[in-house]
Protein backbone atom coordinates (compact mmCIF):
# COMPACT_ATOMS: atom_id res chain seq x y z
CA MET A 1 142.01 171.03 -80.90
CA ILE A 2 144.71 168.34 -81.05
CA ALA A 3 144.23 165.14 -79.07
CA SER A 4 146.23 161.98 -78.44
CA ASP A 5 144.34 158.90 -77.30
CA PRO A 6 145.88 155.41 -77.30
CA GLY A 7 142.55 154.09 -78.60
CA VAL A 8 142.59 156.35 -81.67
CA LEU A 9 145.21 155.72 -84.37
CA GLY A 10 147.53 154.17 -81.81
CA GLY A 11 147.87 157.43 -79.89
CA LYS A 12 149.02 159.57 -82.82
CA PRO A 13 148.08 163.25 -82.48
CA VAL A 14 144.78 163.81 -84.29
CA ILE A 15 142.36 166.63 -84.87
CA ALA A 16 140.09 166.34 -81.83
CA GLY A 17 136.87 164.52 -82.59
CA THR A 18 138.22 162.96 -85.81
CA ARG A 19 140.57 160.21 -86.92
CA ILE A 20 142.51 162.69 -89.08
CA SER A 21 146.11 162.78 -87.89
CA VAL A 22 148.32 165.82 -87.70
CA GLN A 23 150.75 163.78 -89.79
CA LEU A 24 148.18 163.40 -92.59
CA VAL A 25 147.53 167.14 -92.63
CA LEU A 26 151.27 167.88 -92.79
CA GLU A 27 151.91 165.28 -95.49
CA LYS A 28 149.12 166.62 -97.69
CA LEU A 29 150.41 170.18 -97.34
CA ALA A 30 153.97 169.01 -98.05
CA ASP A 31 152.67 167.26 -101.18
CA GLY A 32 151.43 170.61 -102.47
CA TRP A 33 147.83 170.55 -101.30
CA SER A 34 146.44 173.90 -100.29
CA ILE A 35 144.40 174.36 -97.14
CA ASP A 36 141.37 174.80 -99.39
CA ASP A 37 142.16 171.41 -101.00
CA LEU A 38 142.20 169.82 -97.53
CA LEU A 39 138.91 171.45 -96.60
CA ASP A 40 137.33 170.26 -99.85
CA ASP A 41 138.49 166.64 -99.43
CA TYR A 42 137.91 166.52 -95.67
CA PRO A 43 134.74 168.56 -95.10
CA GLN A 44 134.73 167.67 -91.39
CA LEU A 45 137.86 169.84 -91.00
CA SER A 46 137.83 173.56 -90.39
CA ARG A 47 140.51 176.07 -91.27
CA GLU A 48 141.08 176.59 -87.52
CA GLN A 49 141.75 172.87 -87.08
CA VAL A 50 144.31 172.89 -89.89
CA ASP A 51 145.95 175.92 -88.29
CA ALA A 52 145.97 174.07 -84.96
CA ALA A 53 147.72 171.10 -86.59
CA LEU A 54 150.38 173.40 -88.01
CA ALA A 55 150.86 175.14 -84.67
CA TYR A 56 151.09 171.77 -82.90
CA ALA A 57 153.77 170.58 -85.33
CA ALA A 58 155.73 173.83 -84.92
CA ARG A 59 155.65 173.51 -81.13
CA ARG A 60 156.76 169.87 -81.32
CA MET A 61 159.63 170.77 -83.64
CA GLY A 62 160.66 173.55 -81.26
CA SER A 63 160.66 171.20 -78.27
CA GLN A 64 162.70 168.61 -80.16
CA ALA A 65 165.28 171.22 -81.16
CA ALA A 66 165.64 172.22 -77.50
CA THR A 67 166.49 168.64 -76.51
CA SER A 68 168.96 167.99 -79.35
């Protein structure tokens, strides 16, 4: 559900089929938005896609910790 394409947002990880970046999802949640808030403001998103963005970020953080 997460894709990276150099032609979309400069290759940033995005929700597949959208131009909504994983970073945007994380920033909104960090700013206090709920998942329901995200779904209301971005109706093209599903709860499963938000969960996929969170899982992607967790995996990336885990891989970075392993290389530090």
